[in-house]
Amino acid sequence: MKIAIAQINSSEIVSENLSKVQDCTRRAREEGAELVVFPEATMSAFGSDLFAAATEHAEMWKTEMQWLAAEQEISLVTGEFAPAEDGKVQNILAVYTPSGERLDYAKIHLYDAFGFTESDDVAPGKHPLVVNIGGVSVGMSLCYDIRFPKLFAELSRKGAQVSLVAASWAAGSGKVEQWETLARARALDSNTIVVAVDQADPKVSGVNVNPKAPTGVGHSIVSDPFGHVITSFGEAEELRVIELDLAVVEQAEKSIPVLKNAKLGY
């Protein structure tokens, strides 16, 4: 499976983010990618009025993404927001296929940590999601989800060969090390290839964002089920296309069948 990783910075301006997604998607297709993955909050950066973005732009965004996937004959995954009850939004990871299909996952584990309270503005999701993309089973997750191994075990049990983690990882002491360690750990304990795509570091890319919000540190990383790093990024915006060898998933399942050996479903 040939996959493009789009480590970008989104801003508070939805139209600018749309243009960036369109450009990256076309470039990914030119390089032969079957799937392009964008970070959490691609549609609008954290620290902005997420409810306004969701209510004013969500339908336009969906239409543009469906058209883009069909035009470029590529599947794409983007971080979005959708209106929810009580003036909140849901933090969404949406999948668009060339056939016009759209599926989405609402973030289950909200980032109420390190002094940030995502649950003030975001309503949690309830259901894991595994999607068939070009014959490959791909599990969906968002940012803080990466700290919860049971979710990744559940995605694997549902057939996932690849687990996507789209993030807008908050900066701070030790946070890059935590992010990289968690990505490799989730690959090891789920027997899946983990593709962890973060927002770039806005301080490096020069994008204007709210400095108090979790807006990315870069360092996107792909780990195979043995914990080997397939590729890793720096802090800046970058589009990279890589080939995933899915045979390693079957090899890991045979060598270290952690899910089969698990007791009481843990």
C-alpha atoms as a PDB file:
ATOM      1  CA  MET A   1       0.000   0.000   0.000  1.00  0.00           C
ATOM      2  CA  LYS A   2       1.428   3.351  -1.049  1.00  0.00           C
ATOM      3  CA  ILE A   3       0.501   6.027   1.463  1.00  0.00           C
ATOM      4  CA  ALA A   4       1.184   9.763   1.629  1.00  0.00           C
ATOM      5  CA  ILE A   5       1.744  11.455   4.986  1.00  0.00           C
ATOM      6  CA  ALA A   6       0.883  15.154   4.959  1.00  0.00           C
ATOM      7  CA  GLN A   7       2.494  16.780   7.992  1.00  0.00           C
ATOM      8  CA  ILE A   8       0.979  20.251   7.655  1.00  0.00           C
ATOM      9  CA  ASN A   9      -0.043  23.136   9.876  1.00  0.00           C
ATOM     10  CA  SER A  10      -3.647  24.214   9.656  1.00  0.00           C
ATOM     11  CA  SER A  11      -4.691  27.727  10.641  1.00  0.00           C
ATOM     12  CA  GLU A  12      -7.944  29.303  11.793  1.00  0.00           C
ATOM     13  CA  ILE A  13      -8.837  30.119   8.172  1.00  0.00           C
ATOM     14  CA  VAL A  14     -10.720  27.181   6.649  1.00  0.00           C
ATOM     15  CA  SER A  15     -10.230  28.319   3.033  1.00  0.00           C
ATOM     16  CA  GLU A  16      -6.438  28.359   3.510  1.00  0.00           C
ATOM     17  CA  ASN A  17      -6.536  24.860   4.970  1.00  0.00           C
ATOM     18  CA  LEU A  18      -8.653  23.649   2.063  1.00  0.00           C
ATOM     19  CA  SER A  19      -6.117  24.950  -0.445  1.00  0.00           C
ATOM     20  CA  LYS A  20      -3.293  23.220   1.401  1.00  0.00           C
ATOM     21  CA  VAL A  21      -5.192  19.897   1.410  1.00  0.00           C
ATOM     22  CA  GLN A  22      -5.941  20.206  -2.300  1.00  0.00           C
ATOM     23  CA  ASP A  23      -2.305  20.877  -3.132  1.00  0.00           C
ATOM     24  CA  CYS A  24      -0.963  18.020  -0.994  1.00  0.00           C
ATOM     25  CA  THR A  25      -3.539  15.574  -2.349  1.00  0.00           C
ATOM     26  CA  ARG A  26      -2.664  16.353  -5.964  1.00  0.00           C
ATOM     27  CA  ARG A  27       1.044  16.029  -5.247  1.00  0.00           C
ATOM     28  CA  ALA A  28       0.448  12.717  -3.427  1.00  0.00           C
ATOM     29  CA  ARG A  29      -1.459  11.361  -6.403  1.00  0.00           C
ATOM     30  CA  GLU A  30       1.317  12.413  -8.773  1.00  0.00           C
ATOM     31  CA  GLU A  31       3.695  10.292  -6.679  1.00  0.00           C
ATOM     32  CA  GLY A  32       1.396   7.285  -6.944  1.00  0.00           C
ATOM     33  CA  ALA A  33      -0.139   7.275  -3.476  1.00  0.00           C
ATOM     34  CA  GLU A  34      -3.397   5.370  -2.953  1.00  0.00           C
ATOM     35  CA  LEU A  35      -4.139   7.158   0.336  1.00  0.00           C
ATOM     36  CA  VAL A  36      -3.153  10.531   1.782  1.00  0.00           C
ATOM     37  CA  VAL A  37      -3.474  11.165   5.526  1.00  0.00           C
ATOM     38  CA  PHE A  38      -3.755  14.607   7.123  1.00  0.00           C
ATOM     39  CA  PRO A  39      -3.563  15.509  10.844  1.00  0.00           C
ATOM     40  CA  GLU A  40      -6.235  16.120  13.423  1.00  0.00           C
ATOM     41  CA  ALA A  41      -7.893  19.553  13.116  1.00  0.00           C
ATOM     42  CA  THR A  42      -7.012  19.893   9.444  1.00  0.00           C
ATOM     43  CA  MET A  43     -10.193  21.856   8.778  1.00  0.00           C
ATOM     44  CA  SER A  44      -9.508  24.428  11.512  1.00  0.00           C
ATOM     45  CA  ALA A  45      -6.740  24.639  14.095  1.00  0.00           C
ATOM     46  CA  PHE A  46      -7.345  24.215  17.808  1.00  0.00           C
ATOM     47  CA  GLY A  47      -7.604  27.519  19.633  1.00  0.00           C
ATOM     48  CA  SER A  48     -10.099  28.863  17.099  1.00  0.00           C
ATOM     49  CA  ASP A  49     -13.919  28.938  17.296  1.00  0.00           C
ATOM     50  CA  LEU A  50     -14.483  25.269  16.501  1.00  0.00           C
ATOM     51  CA  PHE A  51     -18.272  25.462  16.720  1.00  0.00           C
ATOM     52  CA  ALA A  52     -18.365  28.329  14.231  1.00  0.00           C
ATOM     53  CA  ALA A  53     -16.054  26.429  11.896  1.00  0.00           C
ATOM     54  CA  ALA A  54     -18.232  23.322  12.144  1.00  0.00           C
ATOM     55  CA  THR A  55     -21.551  25.071  11.621  1.00  0.00           C
ATOM     56  CA  GLU A  56     -20.371  27.425   8.866  1.00  0.00           C
ATOM     57  CA  HIS A  57     -17.957  25.248   6.913  1.00  0.00           C
ATOM     58  CA  ALA A  58     -18.519  21.531   7.599  1.00  0.00           C
ATOM     59  CA  GLU A  59     -20.855  20.868   4.672  1.00  0.00           C
ATOM     60  CA  MET A  60     -18.700  22.808   2.231  1.00  0.00           C
ATOM     61  CA  TRP A  61     -15.650  20.921   3.488  1.00  0.00           C
ATOM     62  CA  LYS A  62     -17.328  17.537   3.000  1.00  0.00           C
ATOM     63  CA  THR A  63     -18.376  18.433  -0.549  1.00  0.00           C
ATOM     64  CA  GLU A  64     -14.885  19.625  -1.450  1.00  0.00           C
ATOM     65  CA  MET A  65     -13.250  16.516   0.028  1.00  0.00           C
ATOM     66  CA  GLN A  66     -15.614  14.180  -1.837  1.00  0.00           C
ATOM     67  CA  TRP A  67     -14.960  16.007  -5.085  1.00  0.00           C
ATOM     68  CA  LEU A  68     -11.197  15.984  -4.498  1.00  0.00           C
ATOM     69  CA  ALA A  69     -11.080  12.248  -3.767  1.00  0.00           C
ATOM     70  CA  ALA A  70     -13.098  11.516  -6.909  1.00  0.00           C
ATOM     71  CA  GLU A  71     -11.134  13.914  -9.116  1.00  0.00           C
ATOM     72  CA  GLN A  72      -7.741  12.581  -8.010  1.00  0.00           C
ATOM     73  CA  GLU A  73      -8.888   8.961  -7.683  1.00  0.00           C
ATOM     74  CA  ILE A  74      -7.324   8.724  -4.240  1.00  0.00           C
ATOM     75  CA  SER A  75      -8.623   8.063  -0.735  1.00  0.00           C
ATOM     76  CA  LEU A  76      -7.975  10.781   1.799  1.00  0.00           C
ATOM     77  CA  VAL A  77      -8.299  11.150   5.560  1.00  0.00           C
ATOM     78  CA  THR A  78      -8.753  14.542   7.219  1.00  0.00           C
ATOM     79  CA  GLY A  79      -9.334  15.913  10.702  1.00  0.00           C
ATOM     80  CA  GLU A  80     -12.640  17.779  10.885  1.00  0.00           C
ATOM     81  CA  PHE A  81     -15.224  19.106  13.329  1.00  0.00           C
ATOM     82  CA  ALA A  82     -18.975  18.518  13.297  1.00  0.00           C
ATOM     83  CA  PRO A  83     -21.669  20.291  15.341  1.00  0.00           C
ATOM     84  CA  ALA A  84     -22.848  18.483  18.479  1.00  0.00           C
ATOM     85  CA  GLU A  85     -25.332  19.274  21.258  1.00  0.00           C
ATOM     86  CA  ASP A  86     -24.968  22.105  23.797  1.00  0.00           C
ATOM     87  CA  GLY A  87     -22.810  24.231  21.536  1.00  0.00           C
ATOM     88  CA  LYS A  88     -20.051  21.624  21.384  1.00  0.00           C
ATOM     89  CA  VAL A  89     -18.490  19.874  18.419  1.00  0.00           C
ATOM     90  CA  GLN A  90     -17.299  16.381  17.706  1.00  0.00           C
ATOM     91  CA  ASN A  91     -13.663  15.904  16.771  1.00  0.00           C
ATOM     92  CA  ILE A  92     -13.856  13.848  13.584  1.00  0.00           C
ATOM     93  CA  LEU A  93     -11.469  11.822  11.474  1.00  0.00           C
ATOM     94  CA  ALA A  94     -13.178  11.434   8.101  1.00  0.00           C
ATOM     95  CA  VAL A  95     -12.355   9.024   5.290  1.00  0.00           C
ATOM     96  CA  TYR A  96     -13.207   9.883   1.683  1.00  0.00           C
ATOM     97  CA  THR A  97     -12.898   7.376  -1.158  1.00  0.00           C
ATOM     98  CA  PRO A  98     -12.851   7.942  -4.931  1.00  0.00           C
ATOM     99  CA  SER A  99     -16.304   6.349  -5.200  1.00  0.00           C
ATOM    100  CA  GLY A 100     -17.830   9.181  -3.135  1.00  0.00           C
ATOM    101  CA  GLU A 101     -18.094   7.207   0.108  1.00  0.00           C
ATOM    102  CA  ARG A 102     -17.530   9.057   3.371  1.00  0.00           C
ATOM    103  CA  LEU A 103     -17.050   7.384   6.747  1.00  0.00           C
ATOM    104  CA  ASP A 104     -16.070   9.065   9.986  1.00  0.00           C
ATOM    105  CA  TYR A 105     -14.756   8.351  13.455  1.00  0.00           C
ATOM    106  CA  ALA A 106     -15.527  10.634  16.406  1.00  0.00           C
ATOM    107  CA  LYS A 107     -12.685  10.914  18.924  1.00  0.00           C
ATOM    108  CA  ILE A 108     -13.404   8.759  21.979  1.00  0.00           C
ATOM    109  CA  HIS A 109     -10.680   9.889  24.388  1.00  0.00           C
ATOM    110  CA  LEU A 110     -10.762  13.650  24.883  1.00  0.00           C
ATOM    111  CA  TYR A 111      -7.622  15.536  25.835  1.00  0.00           C
ATOM    112  CA  ASP A 112      -8.278  16.574  29.416  1.00  0.00           C
ATOM    113  CA  ALA A 113      -4.640  16.608  30.436  1.00  0.00           C
ATOM    114  CA  PHE A 114      -1.595  18.841  30.846  1.00  0.00           C
ATOM    115  CA  GLY A 115      -3.855  21.774  31.730  1.00  0.00           C
ATOM    116  CA  PHE A 116      -6.010  21.584  28.581  1.00  0.00           C
ATOM    117  CA  THR A 117      -9.676  20.532  28.739  1.00  0.00           C
ATOM    118  CA  GLU A 118     -10.893  19.404  25.339  1.00  0.00           C
ATOM    119  CA  SER A 119     -14.183  18.210  26.841  1.00  0.00           C
ATOM    120  CA  ASP A 120     -15.180  21.837  27.461  1.00  0.00           C
ATOM    121  CA  ASP A 121     -15.797  22.204  23.728  1.00  0.00           C
ATOM    122  CA  VAL A 122     -15.902  18.664  22.345  1.00  0.00           C
ATOM    123  CA  ALA A 123     -18.391  15.829  22.827  1.00  0.00           C
ATOM    124  CA  PRO A 124     -16.826  12.332  22.871  1.00  0.00           C
ATOM    125  CA  GLY A 125     -17.465   9.608  20.344  1.00  0.00           C
ATOM    126  CA  LYS A 126     -18.368   6.057  21.316  1.00  0.00           C
ATOM    127  CA  HIS A 127     -17.470   3.646  18.536  1.00  0.00           C
ATOM    128  CA  PRO A 128     -14.175   2.460  16.999  1.00  0.00           C
ATOM    129  CA  LEU A 129     -13.936   2.426  13.213  1.00  0.00           C
ATOM    130  CA  VAL A 130     -12.106   0.183  10.758  1.00  0.00           C
ATOM    131  CA  VAL A 131     -12.383   1.037   7.058  1.00  0.00           C
ATOM    132  CA  ASN A 132     -11.470  -0.935   3.944  1.00  0.00           C
ATOM    133  CA  ILE A 133      -9.221   1.233   1.781  1.00  0.00           C
ATOM    134  CA  GLY A 134      -8.041  -0.430  -1.412  1.00  0.00           C
ATOM    135  CA  GLY A 135      -8.369  -3.874   0.145  1.00  0.00           C
ATOM    136  CA  VAL A 136      -6.477  -2.902   3.315  1.00  0.00           C
ATOM    137  CA  SER A 137      -8.246  -2.715   6.686  1.00  0.00           C
ATOM    138  CA  VAL A 138      -7.387   0.592   8.341  1.00  0.00           C
ATOM    139  CA  GLY A 139      -8.285   1.590  11.910  1.00  0.00           C
ATOM    140  CA  MET A 140      -8.924   5.212  12.882  1.00  0.00           C
ATOM    141  CA  SER A 141      -7.840   7.152  15.961  1.00  0.00           C
ATOM    142  CA  LEU A 142      -7.151  10.724  17.031  1.00  0.00           C
ATOM    143  CA  CYS A 143      -4.298  12.136  19.099  1.00  0.00           C
ATOM    144  CA  TYR A 144      -4.970  11.415  22.806  1.00  0.00           C
ATOM    145  CA  ASP A 145      -6.397   8.023  21.762  1.00  0.00           C
ATOM    146  CA  ILE A 146      -2.796   6.883  21.317  1.00  0.00           C
ATOM    147  CA  ARG A 147      -2.410   6.629  25.112  1.00  0.00           C
ATOM    148  CA  PHE A 148      -5.109   3.930  25.350  1.00  0.00           C
ATOM    149  CA  PRO A 149      -3.863   0.524  24.147  1.00  0.00           C
ATOM    150  CA  LYS A 150      -7.278  -1.154  24.475  1.00  0.00           C
ATOM    151  CA  LEU A 151      -8.576   0.923  21.573  1.00  0.00           C
ATOM    152  CA  PHE A 152      -5.775  -0.273  19.319  1.00  0.00           C
ATOM    153  CA  ALA A 153      -6.305  -3.861  20.419  1.00  0.00           C
ATOM    154  CA  GLU A 154      -9.974  -3.480  19.513  1.00  0.00           C
ATOM    155  CA  LEU A 155      -9.086  -2.063  16.080  1.00  0.00           C
ATOM    156  CA  SER A 156      -6.803  -5.039  15.507  1.00  0.00           C
ATOM    157  CA  ARG A 157      -9.496  -7.490  16.601  1.00  0.00           C
ATOM    158  CA  LYS A 158     -11.811  -5.820  14.092  1.00  0.00           C
ATOM    159  CA  GLY A 159      -9.292  -6.688  11.401  1.00  0.00           C
ATOM    160  CA  ALA A 160      -7.119  -3.573  11.175  1.00  0.00           C
ATOM    161  CA  GLN A 161      -3.741  -4.099   9.523  1.00  0.00           C
ATOM    162  CA  VAL A 162      -2.880  -0.407   9.711  1.00  0.00           C
ATOM    163  CA  SER A 163      -3.789   1.984  12.537  1.00  0.00           C
ATOM    164  CA  LEU A 164      -3.907   5.678  11.699  1.00  0.00           C
ATOM    165  CA  VAL A 165      -3.330   8.264  14.425  1.00  0.00           C
ATOM    166  CA  ALA A 166      -4.088  11.812  13.276  1.00  0.00           C
ATOM    167  CA  ALA A 167      -2.898  14.315  15.869  1.00  0.00           C
ATOM    168  CA  SER A 168      -2.421  17.923  16.845  1.00  0.00           C
ATOM    169  CA  TRP A 169       0.016  16.998  19.609  1.00  0.00           C
ATOM    170  CA  ALA A 170       0.565  19.581  22.326  1.00  0.00           C
ATOM    171  CA  ALA A 171       4.075  20.888  22.848  1.00  0.00           C
ATOM    172  CA  GLY A 172       5.905  20.631  26.165  1.00  0.00           C
ATOM    173  CA  SER A 173       8.780  19.014  27.982  1.00  0.00           C
ATOM    174  CA  GLY A 174       9.182  15.398  26.904  1.00  0.00           C
ATOM    175  CA  LYS A 175       6.131  15.458  24.633  1.00  0.00           C
ATOM    176  CA  VAL A 176       7.971  14.515  21.439  1.00  0.00           C
ATOM    177  CA  GLU A 177       9.565  11.537  23.187  1.00  0.00           C
ATOM    178  CA  GLN A 178       6.175  10.459  24.533  1.00  0.00           C
ATOM    179  CA  TRP A 179       4.595  10.719  21.085  1.00  0.00           C
ATOM    180  CA  GLU A 180       7.281   8.634  19.396  1.00  0.00           C
ATOM    181  CA  THR A 181       7.318   6.034  22.174  1.00  0.00           C
ATOM    182  CA  LEU A 182       3.542   5.690  22.211  1.00  0.00           C
ATOM    183  CA  ALA A 183       3.356   5.202  18.442  1.00  0.00           C
ATOM    184  CA  ARG A 184       5.856   2.355  18.569  1.00  0.00           C
ATOM    185  CA  ALA A 185       4.220   0.834  21.644  1.00  0.00           C
ATOM    186  CA  ARG A 186       0.764   0.811  20.034  1.00  0.00           C
ATOM    187  CA  ALA A 187       2.217  -0.952  17.003  1.00  0.00           C
ATOM    188  CA  LEU A 188       3.852  -3.556  19.235  1.00  0.00           C
ATOM    189  CA  ASP A 189       0.784  -4.292  21.320  1.00  0.00           C
ATOM    190  CA  SER A 190      -1.745  -4.352  18.466  1.00  0.00           C
ATOM    191  CA  ASN A 191       0.181  -6.195  15.707  1.00  0.00           C
ATOM    192  CA  THR A 192      -0.589  -3.331  13.312  1.00  0.00           C
ATOM    193  CA  ILE A 193       1.472  -0.811  11.395  1.00  0.00           C
ATOM    194  CA  VAL A 194       0.926   2.519  13.145  1.00  0.00           C
ATOM    195  CA  VAL A 195       0.911   5.610  10.945  1.00  0.00           C
ATOM    196  CA  ALA A 196       1.005   8.587  13.320  1.00  0.00           C
ATOM    197  CA  VAL A 197       0.532  11.914  11.520  1.00  0.00           C
ATOM    198  CA  ASP A 198       0.937  15.109  13.511  1.00  0.00           C
ATOM    199  CA  GLN A 199       0.512  18.779  12.749  1.00  0.00           C
ATOM    200  CA  ALA A 200       3.858  20.379  11.977  1.00  0.00           C
ATOM    201  CA  ASP A 201       5.404  22.707  14.539  1.00  0.00           C
ATOM    202  CA  PRO A 202       3.898  26.152  13.809  1.00  0.00           C
ATOM    203  CA  LYS A 203       6.979  27.851  15.243  1.00  0.00           C
ATOM    204  CA  VAL A 204       9.003  26.266  12.458  1.00  0.00           C
ATOM    205  CA  SER A 205       6.501  26.599   9.617  1.00  0.00           C
ATOM    206  CA  GLY A 206       5.488  30.148  10.538  1.00  0.00           C
ATOM    207  CA  VAL A 207       1.743  29.523  10.694  1.00  0.00           C
ATOM    208  CA  ASN A 208      -0.132  31.835  13.065  1.00  0.00           C
ATOM    209  CA  VAL A 209      -1.968  29.789  15.725  1.00  0.00           C
ATOM    210  CA  ASN A 210      -3.159  30.172  19.305  1.00  0.00           C
ATOM    211  CA  PRO A 211      -0.034  29.561  21.450  1.00  0.00           C
ATOM    212  CA  LYS A 212      -2.149  28.174  24.320  1.00  0.00           C
ATOM    213  CA  ALA A 213      -3.751  25.441  22.195  1.00  0.00           C
ATOM    214  CA  PRO A 214      -2.363  22.018  21.192  1.00  0.00           C
ATOM    215  CA  THR A 215      -1.220  22.849  17.665  1.00  0.00           C
ATOM    216  CA  GLY A 216       1.426  20.267  16.843  1.00  0.00           C
ATOM    217  CA  VAL A 217       5.102  19.470  17.252  1.00  0.00           C
ATOM    218  CA  GLY A 218       5.718  17.564  14.011  1.00  0.00           C
ATOM    219  CA  HIS A 219       7.672  14.293  14.276  1.00  0.00           C
ATOM    220  CA  SER A 220       5.148  12.158  12.421  1.00  0.00           C
ATOM    221  CA  ILE A 221       6.243   8.548  12.601  1.00  0.00           C
ATOM    222  CA  VAL A 222       5.429   5.152  11.098  1.00  0.00           C
ATOM    223  CA  SER A 223       6.201   2.012  13.096  1.00  0.00           C
ATOM    224  CA  ASP A 224       5.860  -1.617  12.094  1.00  0.00           C
ATOM    225  CA  PRO A 225       4.424  -4.214  14.536  1.00  0.00           C
ATOM    226  CA  PHE A 226       7.927  -5.104  15.759  1.00  0.00           C
ATOM    227  CA  GLY A 227       8.504  -1.508  16.862  1.00  0.00           C
ATOM    228  CA  HIS A 228      10.866  -0.708  13.998  1.00  0.00           C
ATOM    229  CA  VAL A 229      10.603   2.852  12.699  1.00  0.00           C
ATOM    230  CA  ILE A 230       9.761   2.789   8.990  1.00  0.00           C
ATOM    231  CA  THR A 231      10.014   6.553   8.625  1.00  0.00           C
ATOM    232  CA  SER A 232      10.070   9.600  10.867  1.00  0.00           C
ATOM    233  CA  PHE A 233       9.739  13.329  10.251  1.00  0.00           C
ATOM    234  CA  GLY A 234      11.224  16.498  11.667  1.00  0.00           C
ATOM    235  CA  GLU A 235       9.282  19.549  12.793  1.00  0.00           C
ATOM    236  CA  ALA A 236       8.552  21.322   9.490  1.00  0.00           C
ATOM    237  CA  GLU A 237       5.706  20.885   7.032  1.00  0.00           C
ATOM    238  CA  GLU A 238       6.398  17.998   4.684  1.00  0.00           C
ATOM    239  CA  LEU A 239       4.609  15.613   2.342  1.00  0.00           C
ATOM    240  CA  ARG A 240       6.165  12.161   2.098  1.00  0.00           C
ATOM    241  CA  VAL A 241       5.019   9.068   0.191  1.00  0.00           C
ATOM    242  CA  ILE A 242       6.027   5.639   1.472  1.00  0.00           C
ATOM    243  CA  GLU A 243       5.248   2.017   0.654  1.00  0.00           C
ATOM    244  CA  LEU A 244       3.813  -0.112   3.460  1.00  0.00           C
ATOM    245  CA  ASP A 245       4.740  -3.805   3.320  1.00  0.00           C
ATOM    246  CA  LEU A 246       1.699  -5.447   4.895  1.00  0.00           C
ATOM    247  CA  ALA A 247       3.402  -8.852   5.054  1.00  0.00           C
ATOM    248  CA  VAL A 248       5.048  -7.674   8.292  1.00  0.00           C
ATOM    249  CA  VAL A 249       1.623  -7.654   9.984  1.00  0.00           C
ATOM    250  CA  GLU A 250       1.148 -11.379   9.394  1.00  0.00           C
ATOM    251  CA  GLN A 251       4.731 -12.033  10.464  1.00  0.00           C
ATOM    252  CA  ALA A 252       4.138 -10.212  13.751  1.00  0.00           C
ATOM    253  CA  GLU A 253       0.868 -12.022  14.397  1.00  0.00           C
ATOM    254  CA  LYS A 254       2.691 -15.348  14.085  1.00  0.00           C
ATOM    255  CA  SER A 255       5.820 -14.332  15.994  1.00  0.00           C
ATOM    256  CA  ILE A 256       4.277 -12.371  18.876  1.00  0.00           C
ATOM    257  CA  PRO A 257       0.521 -13.140  18.963  1.00  0.00           C
ATOM    258  CA  VAL A 258      -0.162 -10.752  21.831  1.00  0.00           C
ATOM    259  CA  LEU A 259      -3.892 -10.476  21.159  1.00  0.00           C
ATOM    260  CA  LYS A 260      -4.346 -14.232  20.907  1.00  0.00           C
ATOM    261  CA  ASN A 261      -2.369 -14.669  24.138  1.00  0.00           C
ATOM    262  CA  ALA A 262      -4.240 -11.927  26.000  1.00  0.00           C
ATOM    263  CA  LYS A 263      -6.311 -13.002  28.988  1.00  0.00           C
ATOM    264  CA  LEU A 264      -9.832 -11.693  29.709  1.00  0.00           C
ATOM    265  CA  GLY A 265      -9.669  -9.588  26.574  1.00  0.00           C
ATOM    266  CA  TYR A 266      -6.897  -7.323  27.919  1.00  0.00           C
END
